[in-house]
Amino acid sequence: MRVQHLAELIKAHQEGYHTGVIFVVQRNDVKLFQSDQLKNQKFLRLLGQCHSLGIEIRALSCDIDGVNIEIISELPVTVLSEETEKEV
């Protein structure tokens, strides 16, 4: 996902559309998704704005065996916004 995608989601949300972000984590040993691990500060800021606006943010963990990909769990999501860290 790119910064442009988040900006479009924010615009769509403001126009009244139901919007959301899903991160697919292609590992089965992850216990949570934290936005502070993201390197792109503009993306991080926009993700925090998405959270503040009430845009749904979810993360899914997968098991990959080389042939198949299976979603195994939904991960807790923590989003850092400009104000504070918030668990979704």
PDB file of N, CA and C in Angstrom:
ATOM      1  N   MET A   1       0.846  -1.170   0.000  1.00  0.00           N
ATOM      2  CA  MET A   1       0.000   0.000   0.000  1.00  0.00           C
ATOM      3  C   MET A   1       0.888   1.229   0.000  1.00  0.00           C
ATOM      4  N   ARG A   2       0.441   2.236  -0.681  1.00  0.00           N
ATOM      5  CA  ARG A   2       1.225   3.456  -0.816  1.00  0.00           C
ATOM      6  C   ARG A   2       0.503   4.630  -0.160  1.00  0.00           C
ATOM      7  N   VAL A   3       1.248   5.719   0.024  1.00  0.00           N
ATOM      8  CA  VAL A   3       0.698   6.943   0.594  1.00  0.00           C
ATOM      9  C   VAL A   3      -0.531   7.383  -0.204  1.00  0.00           C
ATOM     10  N   GLN A   4      -0.449   7.298  -1.510  1.00  0.00           N
ATOM     11  CA  GLN A   4      -1.548   7.699  -2.384  1.00  0.00           C
ATOM     12  C   GLN A   4      -2.824   6.900  -2.071  1.00  0.00           C
ATOM     13  N   HIS A   5      -2.665   5.608  -1.779  1.00  0.00           N
ATOM     14  CA  HIS A   5      -3.822   4.776  -1.458  1.00  0.00           C
ATOM     15  C   HIS A   5      -4.519   5.261  -0.182  1.00  0.00           C
ATOM     16  N   LEU A   6      -3.729   5.589   0.833  1.00  0.00           N
ATOM     17  CA  LEU A   6      -4.327   6.091   2.076  1.00  0.00           C
ATOM     18  C   LEU A   6      -5.028   7.420   1.848  1.00  0.00           C
ATOM     19  N   ALA A   7      -4.422   8.294   1.059  1.00  0.00           N
ATOM     20  CA  ALA A   7      -5.052   9.585   0.760  1.00  0.00           C
ATOM     21  C   ALA A   7      -6.388   9.375   0.046  1.00  0.00           C
ATOM     22  N   GLU A   8      -6.452   8.418  -0.871  1.00  0.00           N
ATOM     23  CA  GLU A   8      -7.704   8.114  -1.582  1.00  0.00           C
ATOM     24  C   GLU A   8      -8.743   7.527  -0.624  1.00  0.00           C
ATOM     25  N   LEU A   9      -8.308   6.680   0.318  1.00  0.00           N
ATOM     26  CA  LEU A   9      -9.237   6.128   1.313  1.00  0.00           C
ATOM     27  C   LEU A   9      -9.829   7.228   2.187  1.00  0.00           C
ATOM     28  N   ILE A  10      -8.991   8.165   2.584  1.00  0.00           N
ATOM     29  CA  ILE A  10      -9.463   9.291   3.402  1.00  0.00           C
ATOM     30  C   ILE A  10     -10.496  10.101   2.622  1.00  0.00           C
ATOM     31  N   LYS A  11     -10.204  10.378   1.362  1.00  0.00           N
ATOM     32  CA  LYS A  11     -11.137  11.129   0.516  1.00  0.00           C
ATOM     33  C   LYS A  11     -12.465  10.368   0.372  1.00  0.00           C
ATOM     34  N   ALA A  12     -12.396   9.071   0.106  1.00  0.00           N
ATOM     35  CA  ALA A  12     -13.603   8.261  -0.043  1.00  0.00           C
ATOM     36  C   ALA A  12     -14.408   8.244   1.262  1.00  0.00           C
ATOM     37  N   HIS A  13     -13.708   8.139   2.388  1.00  0.00           N
ATOM     38  CA  HIS A  13     -14.375   8.150   3.697  1.00  0.00           C
ATOM     39  C   HIS A  13     -15.114   9.476   3.903  1.00  0.00           C
ATOM     40  N   GLN A  14     -14.461  10.566   3.552  1.00  0.00           N
ATOM     41  CA  GLN A  14     -15.069  11.883   3.712  1.00  0.00           C
ATOM     42  C   GLN A  14     -16.262  12.075   2.776  1.00  0.00           C
ATOM     43  N   GLU A  15     -16.308  11.310   1.692  1.00  0.00           N
ATOM     44  CA  GLU A  15     -17.439  11.356   0.762  1.00  0.00           C
ATOM     45  C   GLU A  15     -18.565  10.420   1.199  1.00  0.00           C
ATOM     46  N   GLY A  16     -18.370   9.712   2.314  1.00  0.00           N
ATOM     47  CA  GLY A  16     -19.426   8.879   2.865  1.00  0.00           C
ATOM     48  C   GLY A  16     -19.296   7.393   2.593  1.00  0.00           C
ATOM     49  N   TYR A  17     -18.232   6.965   1.944  1.00  0.00           N
ATOM     50  CA  TYR A  17     -18.028   5.540   1.685  1.00  0.00           C
ATOM     51  C   TYR A  17     -17.488   4.847   2.932  1.00  0.00           C
ATOM     52  N   HIS A  18     -17.866   3.568   3.099  1.00  0.00           N
ATOM     53  CA  HIS A  18     -17.281   2.740   4.160  1.00  0.00           C
ATOM     54  C   HIS A  18     -15.913   2.290   3.668  1.00  0.00           C
ATOM     55  N   THR A  19     -14.870   2.616   4.402  1.00  0.00           N
ATOM     56  CA  THR A  19     -13.509   2.321   3.953  1.00  0.00           C
ATOM     57  C   THR A  19     -12.750   1.544   5.022  1.00  0.00           C
ATOM     58  N   GLY A  20     -11.703   0.877   4.605  1.00  0.00           N
ATOM     59  CA  GLY A  20     -10.877   0.135   5.534  1.00  0.00           C
ATOM     60  C   GLY A  20      -9.530  -0.217   4.933  1.00  0.00           C
ATOM     61  N   VAL A  21      -8.611  -0.559   5.804  1.00  0.00           N
ATOM     62  CA  VAL A  21      -7.263  -0.964   5.421  1.00  0.00           C
ATOM     63  C   VAL A  21      -7.023  -2.347   6.014  1.00  0.00           C
ATOM     64  N   ILE A  22      -6.526  -3.252   5.187  1.00  0.00           N
ATOM     65  CA  ILE A  22      -6.154  -4.579   5.683  1.00  0.00           C
ATOM     66  C   ILE A  22      -4.686  -4.822   5.334  1.00  0.00           C
ATOM     67  N   PHE A  23      -3.892  -5.093   6.355  1.00  0.00           N
ATOM     68  CA  PHE A  23      -2.501  -5.479   6.158  1.00  0.00           C
ATOM     69  C   PHE A  23      -2.436  -7.005   6.224  1.00  0.00           C
ATOM     70  N   VAL A  24      -1.862  -7.624   5.217  1.00  0.00           N
ATOM     71  CA  VAL A  24      -1.688  -9.070   5.198  1.00  0.00           C
ATOM     72  C   VAL A  24      -0.215  -9.347   5.509  1.00  0.00           C
ATOM     73  N   VAL A  25       0.013  -9.901   6.684  1.00  0.00           N
ATOM     74  CA  VAL A  25       1.358 -10.198   7.163  1.00  0.00           C
ATOM     75  C   VAL A  25       1.675 -11.629   6.752  1.00  0.00           C
ATOM     76  N   GLN A  26       2.645 -11.786   5.875  1.00  0.00           N
ATOM     77  CA  GLN A  26       2.932 -13.103   5.322  1.00  0.00           C
ATOM     78  C   GLN A  26       3.927 -13.873   6.185  1.00  0.00           C
ATOM     79  N   ARG A  27       3.549 -13.997   7.455  1.00  0.00           N
ATOM     80  CA  ARG A  27       4.311 -14.771   8.441  1.00  0.00           C
ATOM     81  C   ARG A  27       3.314 -15.347   9.426  1.00  0.00           C
ATOM     82  N   ASN A  28       3.666 -16.481  10.014  1.00  0.00           N
ATOM     83  CA  ASN A  28       2.766 -17.090  10.992  1.00  0.00           C
ATOM     84  C   ASN A  28       3.249 -16.938  12.429  1.00  0.00           C
ATOM     85  N   ASP A  29       4.361 -16.237  12.624  1.00  0.00           N
ATOM     86  CA  ASP A  29       4.916 -16.086  13.972  1.00  0.00           C
ATOM     87  C   ASP A  29       4.738 -14.679  14.536  1.00  0.00           C
ATOM     88  N   VAL A  30       3.973 -13.846  13.866  1.00  0.00           N
ATOM     89  CA  VAL A  30       3.757 -12.472  14.299  1.00  0.00           C
ATOM     90  C   VAL A  30       2.599 -12.439  15.297  1.00  0.00           C
ATOM     91  N   LYS A  31       2.753 -11.654  16.345  1.00  0.00           N
ATOM     92  CA  LYS A  31       1.734 -11.584  17.393  1.00  0.00           C
ATOM     93  C   LYS A  31       0.900 -10.304  17.338  1.00  0.00           C
ATOM     94  N   LEU A  32       1.416  -9.231  16.706  1.00  0.00           N
ATOM     95  CA  LEU A  32       0.683  -7.982  16.606  1.00  0.00           C
ATOM     96  C   LEU A  32       1.244  -7.130  15.478  1.00  0.00           C
ATOM     97  N   PHE A  33       0.461  -6.149  15.048  1.00  0.00           N
ATOM     98  CA  PHE A  33       0.893  -5.198  14.028  1.00  0.00           C
ATOM     99  C   PHE A  33       0.978  -3.829  14.682  1.00  0.00           C
ATOM    100  N   GLN A  34       2.166  -3.194  14.593  1.00  0.00           N
ATOM    101  CA  GLN A  34       2.363  -1.865  15.158  1.00  0.00           C
ATOM    102  C   GLN A  34       2.784  -0.918  14.052  1.00  0.00           C
ATOM    103  N   SER A  35       2.077   0.193  13.929  1.00  0.00           N
ATOM    104  CA  SER A  35       2.398   1.136  12.863  1.00  0.00           C
ATOM    105  C   SER A  35       3.745   1.813  13.068  1.00  0.00           C
ATOM    106  N   ASP A  36       4.262   1.847  14.285  1.00  0.00           N
ATOM    107  CA  ASP A  36       5.545   2.513  14.504  1.00  0.00           C
ATOM    108  C   ASP A  36       6.712   1.766  13.863  1.00  0.00           C
ATOM    109  N   GLN A  37       6.459   0.567  13.359  1.00  0.00           N
ATOM    110  CA  GLN A  37       7.492  -0.188  12.670  1.00  0.00           C
ATOM    111  C   GLN A  37       7.623   0.244  11.197  1.00  0.00           C
ATOM    112  N   LEU A  38       6.701   1.073  10.743  1.00  0.00           N
ATOM    113  CA  LEU A  38       6.729   1.536   9.359  1.00  0.00           C
ATOM    114  C   LEU A  38       7.783   2.624   9.203  1.00  0.00           C
ATOM    115  N   LYS A  39       8.505   2.586   8.115  1.00  0.00           N
ATOM    116  CA  LYS A  39       9.608   3.522   7.895  1.00  0.00           C
ATOM    117  C   LYS A  39       9.162   4.837   7.257  1.00  0.00           C
ATOM    118  N   ASN A  40       8.089   4.814   6.465  1.00  0.00           N
ATOM    119  CA  ASN A  40       7.634   5.985   5.738  1.00  0.00           C
ATOM    120  C   ASN A  40       6.800   6.876   6.662  1.00  0.00           C
ATOM    121  N   GLN A  41       7.353   8.015   7.047  1.00  0.00           N
ATOM    122  CA  GLN A  41       6.689   8.893   8.011  1.00  0.00           C
ATOM    123  C   GLN A  41       5.395   9.493   7.469  1.00  0.00           C
ATOM    124  N   LYS A  42       5.330   9.783   6.183  1.00  0.00           N
ATOM    125  CA  LYS A  42       4.098  10.317   5.605  1.00  0.00           C
ATOM    126  C   LYS A  42       3.005   9.246   5.649  1.00  0.00           C
ATOM    127  N   PHE A  43       3.362   8.000   5.334  1.00  0.00           N
ATOM    128  CA  PHE A  43       2.412   6.895   5.408  1.00  0.00           C
ATOM    129  C   PHE A  43       1.937   6.724   6.840  1.00  0.00           C
ATOM    130  N   LEU A  44       2.860   6.770   7.786  1.00  0.00           N
ATOM    131  CA  LEU A  44       2.529   6.630   9.200  1.00  0.00           C
ATOM    132  C   LEU A  44       1.562   7.720   9.643  1.00  0.00           C
ATOM    133  N   ARG A  45       1.802   8.962   9.215  1.00  0.00           N
ATOM    134  CA  ARG A  45       0.928  10.083   9.572  1.00  0.00           C
ATOM    135  C   ARG A  45      -0.472   9.883   8.987  1.00  0.00           C
ATOM    136  N   LEU A  46      -0.543   9.464   7.711  1.00  0.00           N
ATOM    137  CA  LEU A  46      -1.840   9.251   7.074  1.00  0.00           C
ATOM    138  C   LEU A  46      -2.584   8.066   7.697  1.00  0.00           C
ATOM    139  N   LEU A  47      -1.870   7.033   8.085  1.00  0.00           N
ATOM    140  CA  LEU A  47      -2.506   5.893   8.751  1.00  0.00           C
ATOM    141  C   LEU A  47      -3.091   6.340  10.087  1.00  0.00           C
ATOM    142  N   GLY A  48      -2.371   7.184  10.816  1.00  0.00           N
ATOM    143  CA  GLY A  48      -2.892   7.758  12.058  1.00  0.00           C
ATOM    144  C   GLY A  48      -4.132   8.598  11.801  1.00  0.00           C
ATOM    145  N   GLN A  49      -4.139   9.333  10.690  1.00  0.00           N
ATOM    146  CA  GLN A  49      -5.307  10.128  10.323  1.00  0.00           C
ATOM    147  C   GLN A  49      -6.487   9.214   9.994  1.00  0.00           C
ATOM    148  N   CYS A  50      -6.212   8.121   9.277  1.00  0.00           N
ATOM    149  CA  CYS A  50      -7.265   7.142   8.982  1.00  0.00           C
ATOM    150  C   CYS A  50      -7.894   6.647  10.278  1.00  0.00           C
ATOM    151  N   HIS A  51      -7.055   6.293  11.228  1.00  0.00           N
ATOM    152  CA  HIS A  51      -7.553   5.798  12.509  1.00  0.00           C
ATOM    153  C   HIS A  51      -8.398   6.849  13.214  1.00  0.00           C
ATOM    154  N   SER A  52      -7.919   8.091  13.228  1.00  0.00           N
ATOM    155  CA  SER A  52      -8.648   9.180  13.883  1.00  0.00           C
ATOM    156  C   SER A  52     -10.007   9.423  13.242  1.00  0.00           C
ATOM    157  N   LEU A  53     -10.115   9.185  11.935  1.00  0.00           N
ATOM    158  CA  LEU A  53     -11.373   9.382  11.217  1.00  0.00           C
ATOM    159  C   LEU A  53     -12.335   8.205  11.378  1.00  0.00           C
ATOM    160  N   GLY A  54     -11.854   7.119  11.952  1.00  0.00           N
ATOM    161  CA  GLY A  54     -12.709   5.943  12.141  1.00  0.00           C
ATOM    162  C   GLY A  54     -12.646   4.945  11.002  1.00  0.00           C
ATOM    163  N   ILE A  55     -11.661   5.091  10.135  1.00  0.00           N
ATOM    164  CA  ILE A  55     -11.469   4.113   9.062  1.00  0.00           C
ATOM    165  C   ILE A  55     -10.968   2.817   9.691  1.00  0.00           C
ATOM    166  N   GLU A  56     -11.600   1.712   9.342  1.00  0.00           N
ATOM    167  CA  GLU A  56     -11.255   0.412   9.923  1.00  0.00           C
ATOM    168  C   GLU A  56      -9.852  -0.017   9.479  1.00  0.00           C
ATOM    169  N   ILE A  57      -9.030  -0.434  10.434  1.00  0.00           N
ATOM    170  CA  ILE A  57      -7.673  -0.900  10.160  1.00  0.00           C
ATOM    171  C   ILE A  57      -7.523  -2.279  10.785  1.00  0.00           C
ATOM    172  N   ARG A  58      -7.202  -3.262   9.958  1.00  0.00           N
ATOM    173  CA  ARG A  58      -7.063  -4.645  10.428  1.00  0.00           C
ATOM    174  C   ARG A  58      -5.770  -5.237   9.874  1.00  0.00           C
ATOM    175  N   ALA A  59      -5.287  -6.284  10.533  1.00  0.00           N
ATOM    176  CA  ALA A  59      -4.099  -7.006  10.079  1.00  0.00           C
ATOM    177  C   ALA A  59      -4.354  -8.502  10.224  1.00  0.00           C
ATOM    178  N   LEU A  60      -3.953  -9.251   9.214  1.00  0.00           N
ATOM    179  CA  LEU A  60      -4.149 -10.701   9.197  1.00  0.00           C
ATOM    180  C   LEU A  60      -2.805 -11.392   9.056  1.00  0.00           C
ATOM    181  N   SER A  61      -2.609 -12.454   9.790  1.00  0.00           N
ATOM    182  CA  SER A  61      -1.395 -13.257   9.717  1.00  0.00           C
ATOM    183  C   SER A  61      -1.661 -14.474   8.829  1.00  0.00           C
ATOM    184  N   CYS A  62      -0.658 -14.855   8.041  1.00  0.00           N
ATOM    185  CA  CYS A  62      -0.816 -15.973   7.103  1.00  0.00           C
ATOM    186  C   CYS A  62       0.206 -17.068   7.369  1.00  0.00           C
ATOM    187  N   ASP A  63      -0.174 -18.257   6.952  1.00  0.00           N
ATOM    188  CA  ASP A  63       0.741 -19.390   6.918  1.00  0.00           C
ATOM    189  C   ASP A  63       0.996 -19.690   5.442  1.00  0.00           C
ATOM    190  N   ILE A  64       2.266 -19.727   5.063  1.00  0.00           N
ATOM    191  CA  ILE A  64       2.636 -19.956   3.666  1.00  0.00           C
ATOM    192  C   ILE A  64       3.501 -21.198   3.606  1.00  0.00           C
ATOM    193  N   ASP A  65       3.127 -22.152   2.744  1.00  0.00           N
ATOM    194  CA  ASP A  65       3.895 -23.394   2.644  1.00  0.00           C
ATOM    195  C   ASP A  65       4.616 -23.546   1.306  1.00  0.00           C
ATOM    196  N   GLY A  66       4.702 -22.484   0.528  1.00  0.00           N
ATOM    197  CA  GLY A  66       5.359 -22.559  -0.768  1.00  0.00           C
ATOM    198  C   GLY A  66       4.387 -22.724  -1.919  1.00  0.00           C
ATOM    199  N   VAL A  67       3.209 -23.250  -1.628  1.00  0.00           N
ATOM    200  CA  VAL A  67       2.174 -23.433  -2.644  1.00  0.00           C
ATOM    201  C   VAL A  67       0.909 -22.677  -2.256  1.00  0.00           C
ATOM    202  N   ASN A  68       0.544 -22.788  -0.984  1.00  0.00           N
ATOM    203  CA  ASN A  68      -0.709 -22.213  -0.492  1.00  0.00           C
ATOM    204  C   ASN A  68      -0.449 -21.089   0.501  1.00  0.00           C
ATOM    205  N   ILE A  69      -1.397 -20.168   0.537  1.00  0.00           N
ATOM    206  CA  ILE A  69      -1.408 -19.116   1.555  1.00  0.00           C
ATOM    207  C   ILE A  69      -2.727 -19.249   2.300  1.00  0.00           C
ATOM    208  N   GLU A  70      -2.644 -19.378   3.642  1.00  0.00           N
ATOM    209  CA  GLU A  70      -3.845 -19.514   4.456  1.00  0.00           C
ATOM    210  C   GLU A  70      -3.824 -18.461   5.562  1.00  0.00           C
ATOM    211  N   ILE A  71      -4.893 -17.700   5.659  1.00  0.00           N
ATOM    212  CA  ILE A  71      -5.009 -16.745   6.755  1.00  0.00           C
ATOM    213  C   ILE A  71      -5.264 -17.544   8.020  1.00  0.00           C
ATOM    214  N   ILE A  72      -4.425 -17.305   9.049  1.00  0.00           N
ATOM    215  CA  ILE A  72      -4.547 -18.097  10.275  1.00  0.00           C
ATOM    216  C   ILE A  72      -5.090 -17.298  11.448  1.00  0.00           C
ATOM    217  N   SER A  73      -4.917 -15.980  11.439  1.00  0.00           N
ATOM    218  CA  SER A  73      -5.443 -15.212  12.567  1.00  0.00           C
ATOM    219  C   SER A  73      -5.509 -13.729  12.234  1.00  0.00           C
ATOM    220  N   GLU A  74      -6.354 -13.062  12.989  1.00  0.00           N
ATOM    221  CA  GLU A  74      -6.366 -11.602  12.936  1.00  0.00           C
ATOM    222  C   GLU A  74      -5.457 -11.114  14.058  1.00  0.00           C
ATOM    223  N   LEU A  75      -4.626 -10.148  13.741  1.00  0.00           N
ATOM    224  CA  LEU A  75      -3.659  -9.631  14.703  1.00  0.00           C
ATOM    225  C   LEU A  75      -4.189  -8.370  15.380  1.00  0.00           C
ATOM    226  N   PRO A  76      -3.839  -8.167  16.642  1.00  0.00           N
ATOM    227  CA  PRO A  76      -4.124  -6.871  17.258  1.00  0.00           C
ATOM    228  C   PRO A  76      -3.347  -5.796  16.496  1.00  0.00           C
ATOM    229  N   VAL A  77      -3.954  -4.627  16.345  1.00  0.00           N
ATOM    230  CA  VAL A  77      -3.329  -3.524  15.609  1.00  0.00           C
ATOM    231  C   VAL A  77      -3.154  -2.341  16.551  1.00  0.00           C
ATOM    232  N   THR A  78      -1.945  -1.782  16.577  1.00  0.00           N
ATOM    233  CA  THR A  78      -1.673  -0.556  17.320  1.00  0.00           C
ATOM    234  C   THR A  78      -1.234   0.502  16.314  1.00  0.00           C
ATOM    235  N   VAL A  79      -1.948   1.628  16.317  1.00  0.00           N
ATOM    236  CA  VAL A  79      -1.660   2.708  15.379  1.00  0.00           C
ATOM    237  C   VAL A  79      -1.147   3.907  16.159  1.00  0.00           C
ATOM    238  N   LEU A  80      -0.017   4.428  15.728  1.00  0.00           N
ATOM    239  CA  LEU A  80       0.500   5.660  16.313  1.00  0.00           C
ATOM    240  C   LEU A  80      -0.070   6.825  15.522  1.00  0.00           C
ATOM    241  N   SER A  81      -0.694   7.749  16.223  1.00  0.00           N
ATOM    242  CA  SER A  81      -1.150   8.968  15.581  1.00  0.00           C
ATOM    243  C   SER A  81      -0.289  10.101  16.122  1.00  0.00           C
ATOM    244  N   GLU A  82      -0.557  11.298  15.655  1.00  0.00           N
ATOM    245  CA  GLU A  82       0.237  12.434  16.141  1.00  0.00           C
ATOM    246  C   GLU A  82       0.011  12.695  17.618  1.00  0.00           C
ATOM    247  N   GLU A  83      -1.189  12.313  18.121  1.00  0.00           N
ATOM    248  CA  GLU A  83      -1.485  12.567  19.526  1.00  0.00           C
ATOM    249  C   GLU A  83      -0.872  11.495  20.427  1.00  0.00           C
ATOM    250  N   THR A  84      -1.125  10.224  20.089  1.00  0.00           N
ATOM    251  CA  THR A  84      -0.755   9.152  21.012  1.00  0.00           C
ATOM    252  C   THR A  84      -0.831   7.806  20.320  1.00  0.00           C
ATOM    253  N   GLU A  85      -0.366   6.785  20.980  1.00  0.00           N
ATOM    254  CA  GLU A  85      -0.479   5.418  20.493  1.00  0.00           C
ATOM    255  C   GLU A  85      -1.862   4.899  20.855  1.00  0.00           C
ATOM    256  N   LYS A  86      -2.526   4.261  19.878  1.00  0.00           N
ATOM    257  CA  LYS A  86      -3.887   3.769  20.108  1.00  0.00           C
ATOM    258  C   LYS A  86      -4.003   2.340  19.607  1.00  0.00           C
ATOM    259  N   GLU A  87      -4.597   1.492  20.431  1.00  0.00           N
ATOM    260  CA  GLU A  87      -4.866   0.127  19.985  1.00  0.00           C
ATOM    261  C   GLU A  87      -6.218   0.122  19.287  1.00  0.00           C
ATOM    262  N   VAL A  88      -6.253  -0.524  18.120  1.00  0.00           N
ATOM    263  CA  VAL A  88      -7.487  -0.589  17.331  1.00  0.00           C
ATOM    264  C   VAL A  88      -8.277  -1.796  17.759  1.00  0.00           C
TER     265      VAL A  88
END
